[in-house]
Amino acid sequence: MIVQTIFKNLMMNELYLRKVSPFLKEEYFETKTDRILLGIISKFFDQYNTLISTSALKIELNKSKDLLNYLNHIYLKVNRV
């Protein structure tokens, strides 16, 4: 539940993203899916300095062949946000 709240705010609350992103580390998350999702959101924010949309997140996921095993789990998590 807390992880879902974190991801929801990382994708929808720019002030929250700016405040917590320097402190979030992938090792704080239990599942590989959550770590991958955090990595994509963080990389997007570092590159574009803005929130990632759901559609942009799906595009980023499709770009990476390493994520195919986790793609369905991440899509489900994103769609819950």
Protein backbone atom coordinates (compact mmCIF):
# COMPACT_ATOMS: atom_id res chain seq x y z
CA MET A 1 0.00 0.00 0.00
CA ILE A 2 2.75 2.48 0.90
CA VAL A 3 4.66 1.63 -2.28
CA GLN A 4 1.60 2.31 -4.40
CA THR A 5 1.20 5.68 -2.67
CA ILE A 6 4.84 6.51 -3.34
CA PHE A 7 4.51 5.73 -7.05
CA LYS A 8 1.25 7.60 -7.34
CA ASN A 9 2.88 10.71 -5.93
CA LEU A 10 6.03 10.26 -8.02
CA MET A 11 3.86 10.33 -11.13
CA MET A 12 1.26 12.93 -10.16
CA ASN A 13 2.80 15.32 -7.64
CA GLU A 14 5.77 17.29 -8.95
CA LEU A 15 6.58 18.91 -5.60
CA TYR A 16 6.68 15.47 -3.95
CA LEU A 17 8.88 14.12 -6.75
CA ARG A 18 11.33 16.99 -6.39
CA LYS A 19 11.54 16.61 -2.60
CA VAL A 20 11.91 12.85 -2.30
CA SER A 21 13.75 11.83 -5.48
CA PRO A 22 17.22 12.63 -4.12
CA PHE A 23 16.59 10.26 -1.20
CA LEU A 24 14.90 7.31 -2.92
CA LYS A 25 17.09 4.33 -3.74
CA GLU A 26 16.15 1.20 -5.60
CA GLU A 27 17.31 -0.96 -2.69
CA TYR A 28 14.51 0.50 -0.54
CA PHE A 29 11.98 -1.41 -2.66
CA GLU A 30 11.38 -5.13 -2.19
CA THR A 31 10.35 -6.26 -5.65
CA LYS A 32 12.29 -6.11 -8.89
CA THR A 33 9.22 -4.57 -10.51
CA ASP A 34 9.21 -1.67 -8.05
CA ARG A 35 12.95 -1.12 -8.47
CA ILE A 36 12.62 -1.04 -12.26
CA LEU A 37 9.69 1.36 -12.09
CA LEU A 38 11.58 3.67 -9.73
CA GLY A 39 14.60 3.61 -12.04
CA ILE A 40 12.53 4.58 -15.07
CA ILE A 41 10.72 7.38 -13.23
CA SER A 42 14.00 8.73 -11.80
CA LYS A 43 15.81 8.57 -15.14
CA PHE A 44 12.94 10.36 -16.89
CA PHE A 45 12.87 13.07 -14.22
CA ASP A 46 16.65 13.54 -14.40
CA GLN A 47 16.51 13.79 -18.18
CA TYR A 48 13.41 15.96 -18.66
CA ASN A 49 13.01 17.62 -15.24
CA THR A 50 9.29 16.90 -15.16
CA LEU A 51 6.77 14.23 -14.18
CA ILE A 52 6.46 11.14 -16.32
CA SER A 53 3.03 10.47 -17.78
CA THR A 54 1.55 6.99 -17.91
CA SER A 55 1.89 6.93 -21.69
CA ALA A 56 5.53 8.08 -21.55
CA LEU A 57 6.22 5.41 -18.94
CA LYS A 58 4.76 2.73 -21.20
CA ILE A 59 6.93 3.96 -24.08
CA GLU A 60 10.05 3.79 -21.87
CA LEU A 61 9.13 0.27 -20.79
CA ASN A 62 8.73 -0.85 -24.39
CA LYS A 63 12.19 0.51 -25.29
CA SER A 64 13.97 -1.82 -22.89
CA LYS A 65 14.26 -5.48 -23.87
CA ASP A 66 15.54 -6.35 -20.37
CA LEU A 67 12.17 -5.45 -18.91
CA LEU A 68 10.03 -7.87 -20.88
CA ASN A 69 9.82 -10.29 -17.93
CA TYR A 70 8.50 -7.54 -15.68
CA LEU A 71 6.44 -5.57 -18.17
CA ASN A 72 3.04 -6.98 -17.24
CA HIS A 73 3.64 -6.48 -13.51
CA ILE A 74 4.69 -2.88 -14.07
CA TYR A 75 1.74 -2.15 -16.37
CA LEU A 76 -0.60 -3.47 -13.68
CA LYS A 77 1.04 -1.29 -11.05
CA VAL A 78 0.93 1.81 -13.27
CA ASN A 79 -2.72 1.25 -14.13
CA ARG A 80 -3.56 1.14 -10.39
CA VAL A 81 -2.10 4.66 -10.01
